[in-house]
């Protein structure tokens, strides 16, 4: 059991999907990225849909919710959605957590692969998956998702997030800061405006839920930036700003999309930043 403060840190595997490898690595040539992320016949690389549960005495806090199970068959095929091994609810149930037990859902950003499990479809109707939970979203991300630009408009599916506002289960956060004891959010702008990283810390350990700033360990090096980012140059600056502190204070990074590693620490060498040690959670 790995704990920070009073929270048990539990990775929640919700399934797998696949995205175009070129889009995932931007200007990095395929002959480099395919060494660690082999592509299929459609040039897609396998990715995890990994969330995080902070299990406390009085709170069960879920960070992100995966892609969910509402996508049309066409999109499931495009993104190679795979729930054959597990789903969000199956994994939670396997550790004794019911949907009703989740008190809070912290959403890094509102793209469909991070919010799909926030709602579910029952008899043709959309319902909140976690009816008792308050859902925490950054103001700038909420505004962006409700009036998106063409570049990432397709990544926002309103069935995933409008209901939380309609049912009074939405908490809008305006900027960085502490949201609970030992939990704070850091706001990023490169991938999508108002994406929040979640930092969980105590006197001994700091864990950073990286969302799509470092979606996989392969994205630790500064130039390895996604073409999906709205502002890749800002992503680069955000990585430059954070990585020295991550190394100096030996933070553990939690990787939402890495299919091979859940978490790890970072080192800086004469070749740049890279994974130092894989951490088992």
Protein backbone atom coordinates (compact mmCIF):
# COMPACT_ATOMS: atom_id res chain seq x y z
CA UNK A 1 0.00 0.00 0.00
CA UNK A 2 1.33 3.42 -1.01
CA UNK A 3 0.02 6.37 0.99
CA UNK A 4 0.43 10.14 0.88
CA UNK A 5 -1.04 11.97 3.85
CA UNK A 6 -4.11 9.96 4.78
CA UNK A 7 -4.83 8.91 1.21
CA UNK A 8 -4.18 5.46 -0.19
CA UNK A 9 -2.94 5.95 -3.76
CA UNK A 10 -4.64 3.45 -6.08
CA UNK A 11 -4.18 3.39 -9.89
CA UNK A 12 -7.47 2.64 -11.64
CA UNK A 13 -7.14 0.89 -14.99
CA UNK A 14 -10.23 1.54 -17.15
CA UNK A 15 -9.23 0.06 -20.50
CA UNK A 16 -7.05 0.79 -23.50
CA UNK A 17 -7.30 2.83 -26.68
CA UNK A 18 -5.05 3.88 -29.54
CA UNK A 19 -4.11 7.15 -31.19
CA UNK A 20 -2.01 8.04 -34.21
CA UNK A 21 1.65 7.82 -33.26
CA UNK A 22 2.61 10.81 -35.36
CA UNK A 23 0.01 12.96 -33.62
CA UNK A 24 1.18 11.74 -30.23
CA UNK A 25 4.79 12.75 -30.88
CA UNK A 26 4.54 15.78 -33.17
CA UNK A 27 7.79 16.55 -34.95
CA UNK A 28 9.66 13.56 -33.48
CA UNK A 29 10.43 11.14 -36.35
CA UNK A 30 8.69 7.78 -36.37
CA UNK A 31 11.98 5.89 -36.41
CA UNK A 32 12.60 7.32 -32.93
CA UNK A 33 9.19 7.03 -31.26
CA UNK A 34 8.38 3.58 -32.61
CA UNK A 35 11.29 2.08 -30.66
CA UNK A 36 9.31 2.46 -27.45
CA UNK A 37 5.79 2.83 -28.84
CA UNK A 38 5.28 0.37 -31.72
CA UNK A 39 2.51 1.28 -34.16
CA UNK A 40 -0.16 -0.94 -35.67
CA UNK A 41 -1.05 -1.13 -39.38
CA UNK A 42 -2.98 2.14 -39.07
CA UNK A 43 -0.04 3.91 -37.39
CA UNK A 44 -1.84 3.89 -34.02
CA UNK A 45 0.00 3.28 -30.75
CA UNK A 46 -1.54 1.56 -27.73
CA UNK A 47 -2.32 3.84 -24.80
CA UNK A 48 -3.69 3.33 -21.31
CA UNK A 49 -6.83 4.91 -19.91
CA UNK A 50 -5.57 5.11 -16.35
CA UNK A 51 -7.22 7.11 -13.59
CA UNK A 52 -6.28 7.56 -9.95
CA UNK A 53 -8.22 6.97 -6.75
CA UNK A 54 -7.32 8.76 -3.54
CA UNK A 55 -8.96 6.63 -0.87
CA UNK A 56 -9.24 8.46 2.44
CA UNK A 57 -11.08 8.11 5.71
CA UNK A 58 -13.97 10.37 4.74
CA UNK A 59 -13.37 10.92 1.03
CA UNK A 60 -12.91 8.83 -2.08
CA UNK A 61 -11.47 11.16 -4.70
CA UNK A 62 -11.29 9.98 -8.31
CA UNK A 63 -9.05 11.82 -10.77
CA UNK A 64 -10.35 11.60 -14.35
CA UNK A 65 -12.72 8.90 -15.57
CA UNK A 66 -11.34 7.44 -18.80
CA UNK A 67 -13.21 7.18 -22.09
CA UNK A 68 -16.40 5.62 -20.73
CA UNK A 69 -18.70 3.19 -22.51
CA UNK A 70 -21.00 5.51 -24.48
CA UNK A 71 -19.06 6.03 -27.70
CA UNK A 72 -20.66 5.06 -30.97
CA UNK A 73 -19.24 1.99 -32.69
CA UNK A 74 -17.57 4.13 -35.38
CA UNK A 75 -15.56 6.07 -32.80
CA UNK A 76 -14.78 2.91 -30.84
CA UNK A 77 -13.22 1.48 -34.00
CA UNK A 78 -11.33 4.67 -34.87
CA UNK A 79 -9.81 4.86 -31.40
CA UNK A 80 -9.51 1.08 -30.94
CA UNK A 81 -11.35 1.22 -27.60
CA UNK A 82 -10.68 -1.96 -25.63
CA UNK A 83 -12.67 -2.80 -22.51
CA UNK A 84 -12.09 -6.54 -22.80
CA UNK A 85 -9.98 -6.66 -19.64
CA UNK A 86 -11.59 -4.02 -17.48
CA UNK A 87 -13.72 -0.88 -17.21
CA UNK A 88 -13.80 1.98 -14.73
CA UNK A 89 -16.68 0.52 -12.73
CA UNK A 90 -15.27 -3.02 -12.74
CA UNK A 91 -11.94 -1.84 -11.35
CA UNK A 92 -13.59 0.28 -8.66
CA UNK A 93 -15.90 -2.59 -7.70
CA UNK A 94 -12.95 -4.98 -7.50
CA UNK A 95 -11.49 -2.90 -4.65
CA UNK A 96 -14.82 -2.50 -2.88
CA UNK A 97 -15.75 0.97 -4.14
CA UNK A 98 -19.30 1.56 -5.38
CA UNK A 99 -20.17 4.46 -7.64
CA UNK A 100 -22.08 6.03 -4.75
CA UNK A 101 -18.92 5.98 -2.61
CA UNK A 102 -17.05 8.48 -4.77
CA UNK A 103 -17.23 11.87 -3.05
CA UNK A 104 -15.22 13.94 -5.52
CA UNK A 105 -14.11 13.74 -9.14
CA UNK A 106 -11.22 15.99 -10.11
CA UNK A 107 -11.16 16.40 -13.88
CA UNK A 108 -7.83 17.34 -15.41
CA UNK A 109 -9.56 18.59 -18.57
CA UNK A 110 -12.73 17.83 -20.48
CA UNK A 111 -11.43 15.89 -23.50
CA UNK A 112 -13.47 12.72 -24.09
CA UNK A 113 -10.72 10.30 -23.03
CA UNK A 114 -10.59 11.97 -19.60
CA UNK A 115 -14.31 12.51 -18.96
CA UNK A 116 -16.12 9.73 -20.80
CA UNK A 117 -16.74 7.77 -17.61
CA UNK A 118 -18.24 10.76 -15.81
CA UNK A 119 -21.64 9.83 -17.22
CA UNK A 120 -23.24 6.62 -18.43
CA UNK A 121 -26.23 5.71 -20.57
CA UNK A 122 -29.14 3.90 -18.91
CA UNK A 123 -32.15 2.99 -21.07
CA UNK A 124 -31.20 5.69 -23.54
CA UNK A 125 -30.80 8.39 -20.87
CA UNK A 126 -27.55 10.01 -19.74
CA UNK A 127 -26.92 9.81 -15.98
CA UNK A 128 -24.05 10.79 -13.72
CA UNK A 129 -21.90 7.76 -13.00
CA UNK A 130 -21.03 9.09 -9.54
CA UNK A 131 -24.27 10.70 -8.32
CA UNK A 132 -22.92 11.84 -4.94
CA UNK A 133 -19.68 13.33 -6.23
CA UNK A 134 -18.74 16.97 -6.69
CA UNK A 135 -16.90 17.38 -9.99
CA UNK A 136 -14.01 19.86 -9.93
CA UNK A 137 -13.10 21.63 -13.19
CA UNK A 138 -11.03 24.70 -14.01
CA UNK A 139 -13.03 27.77 -15.11
CA UNK A 140 -10.94 28.40 -18.21
CA UNK A 141 -11.27 24.78 -19.29
CA UNK A 142 -15.04 24.83 -18.69
CA UNK A 143 -15.43 27.95 -20.81
CA UNK A 144 -13.15 26.55 -23.52
CA UNK A 145 -14.99 23.22 -23.69
CA UNK A 146 -18.33 24.98 -24.07
CA UNK A 147 -17.00 27.21 -26.88
CA UNK A 148 -14.14 25.20 -28.37
CA UNK A 149 -11.98 26.11 -31.33
CA UNK A 150 -11.83 23.91 -34.41
CA UNK A 151 -8.55 22.25 -33.40
CA UNK A 152 -9.91 20.31 -30.44
CA UNK A 153 -13.67 20.69 -30.89
CA UNK A 154 -14.03 16.98 -31.67
CA UNK A 155 -12.38 16.11 -28.35
CA UNK A 156 -15.25 17.62 -26.34
CA UNK A 157 -18.43 15.54 -26.05
CA UNK A 158 -21.02 17.48 -24.09
CA UNK A 159 -22.81 14.34 -22.87
CA UNK A 160 -19.73 13.79 -20.73
CA UNK A 161 -19.90 17.02 -18.75
CA UNK A 162 -23.02 19.20 -19.09
CA UNK A 163 -25.05 17.05 -16.69
CA UNK A 164 -22.75 17.79 -13.75
CA UNK A 165 -23.69 21.47 -14.00
CA UNK A 166 -27.37 20.79 -14.60
CA UNK A 167 -27.58 18.63 -11.47
CA UNK A 168 -25.62 20.99 -9.24
CA UNK A 169 -22.58 18.72 -8.99
CA UNK A 170 -20.05 21.07 -10.58
CA UNK A 171 -17.42 23.03 -8.66
CA UNK A 172 -15.60 25.58 -10.79
CA UNK A 173 -12.02 26.27 -9.73
CA UNK A 174 -10.51 29.56 -10.81
CA UNK A 175 -6.76 29.11 -10.99
CA UNK A 176 -4.11 27.11 -9.15
CA UNK A 177 -4.12 26.36 -5.46
CA UNK A 178 -5.04 24.01 -2.66
CA UNK A 179 -8.36 22.20 -2.94
CA UNK A 180 -7.97 19.86 0.06
CA UNK A 181 -5.33 18.98 2.65
CA UNK A 182 -2.30 17.77 0.73
CA UNK A 183 -3.97 18.24 -2.67
CA UNK A 184 -3.43 21.18 -4.98
CA UNK A 185 -3.89 21.88 -8.66
CA UNK A 186 -1.48 23.44 -11.15
CA UNK A 187 -2.95 25.05 -14.26
CA UNK A 188 -1.49 24.49 -17.73
CA UNK A 189 -2.23 26.06 -21.12
CA UNK A 190 -0.26 24.21 -23.79
CA UNK A 191 -2.44 21.17 -24.35
CA UNK A 192 -5.76 22.93 -23.78
CA UNK A 193 -6.42 26.11 -21.75
CA UNK A 194 -7.09 25.41 -18.10
CA UNK A 195 -5.87 21.83 -17.94
CA UNK A 196 -5.07 21.08 -14.30
CA UNK A 197 -2.38 18.78 -12.98
CA UNK A 198 -3.07 17.38 -9.54
CA UNK A 199 -0.28 17.41 -6.96
CA UNK A 200 -0.64 15.17 -3.90
CA UNK A 201 2.05 15.66 -1.26
CA UNK A 202 3.16 15.29 2.34
CA UNK A 203 6.50 15.66 4.12
CA UNK A 204 7.87 12.50 2.49
CA UNK A 205 6.42 12.22 -1.01
CA UNK A 206 5.00 14.23 -3.87
CA UNK A 207 2.99 12.63 -6.66
CA UNK A 208 1.98 14.61 -9.75
CA UNK A 209 -0.96 13.46 -11.86
CA UNK A 210 0.43 14.56 -15.22
CA UNK A 211 -2.67 14.35 -17.43
CA UNK A 212 -1.56 15.31 -20.95
CA UNK A 213 1.55 17.32 -20.10
CA UNK A 214 3.46 14.05 -19.72
CA UNK A 215 0.94 11.48 -21.03
CA UNK A 216 3.62 8.76 -21.20
CA UNK A 217 7.21 8.32 -20.07
CA UNK A 218 8.25 8.92 -23.67
CA UNK A 219 6.98 12.50 -23.32
CA UNK A 220 9.39 13.41 -20.52
CA UNK A 221 12.06 14.86 -22.90
CA UNK A 222 11.27 18.50 -23.58
CA UNK A 223 10.97 18.31 -27.41
CA UNK A 224 8.62 15.29 -27.32
CA UNK A 225 5.35 17.19 -27.54
CA UNK A 226 2.00 16.11 -28.99
CA UNK A 227 0.58 17.53 -32.20
CA UNK A 228 -2.75 17.38 -30.35
CA UNK A 229 -1.61 20.30 -28.18
CA UNK A 230 -3.33 23.59 -28.99
CA UNK A 231 -0.15 25.52 -28.17
CA UNK A 232 2.89 23.20 -28.35
CA UNK A 233 5.38 26.01 -27.71
CA UNK A 234 3.60 26.74 -24.43
CA UNK A 235 3.76 23.02 -23.58
CA UNK A 236 7.52 23.16 -24.08
CA UNK A 237 7.81 26.15 -21.76
CA UNK A 238 5.65 24.43 -19.14
CA UNK A 239 7.90 21.36 -19.24
CA UNK A 240 11.01 23.54 -18.98
CA UNK A 241 9.53 25.27 -15.94
CA UNK A 242 8.41 22.14 -14.09
CA UNK A 243 11.10 19.57 -14.83
CA UNK A 244 13.90 21.15 -12.73
CA UNK A 245 11.63 21.11 -9.65
CA UNK A 246 10.44 17.57 -10.43
CA UNK A 247 14.05 16.36 -10.49
CA UNK A 248 15.26 18.40 -7.53
CA UNK A 249 12.42 17.30 -5.23
CA UNK A 250 12.22 13.76 -6.66
CA UNK A 251 8.52 13.93 -7.48
CA UNK A 252 6.75 10.80 -8.63
CA UNK A 253 4.98 11.33 -11.96
CA UNK A 254 1.74 9.42 -12.58
CA UNK A 255 1.23 8.60 -16.26
CA UNK A 256 -2.37 8.49 -17.43
CA UNK A 257 -1.70 7.07 -20.89
CA UNK A 258 1.53 5.07 -20.64
CA UNK A 259 0.66 1.44 -21.54
CA UNK A 260 3.75 0.02 -19.84
CA UNK A 261 4.46 2.11 -16.72
CA UNK A 262 2.15 3.62 -14.12
CA UNK A 263 4.56 6.01 -12.42
CA UNK A 264 8.19 7.00 -12.16
CA UNK A 265 10.79 9.57 -11.19
CA UNK A 266 12.83 11.76 -13.54
CA UNK A 267 16.54 12.36 -14.03
CA UNK A 268 18.52 14.99 -15.89
CA UNK A 269 21.63 13.95 -17.80
CA UNK A 270 23.75 15.57 -20.48
CA UNK A 271 21.19 14.20 -22.97
CA UNK A 272 18.26 15.92 -21.25
CA UNK A 273 15.42 14.68 -19.08
CA UNK A 274 14.34 11.05 -18.98
CA UNK A 275 12.77 8.40 -16.79
CA UNK A 276 14.97 7.65 -13.78
CA UNK A 277 13.11 4.86 -12.00
CA UNK A 278 9.81 3.14 -12.49
CA UNK A 279 7.69 3.30 -9.35
CA UNK A 280 5.22 0.54 -8.54
CA UNK A 281 2.04 1.83 -6.92
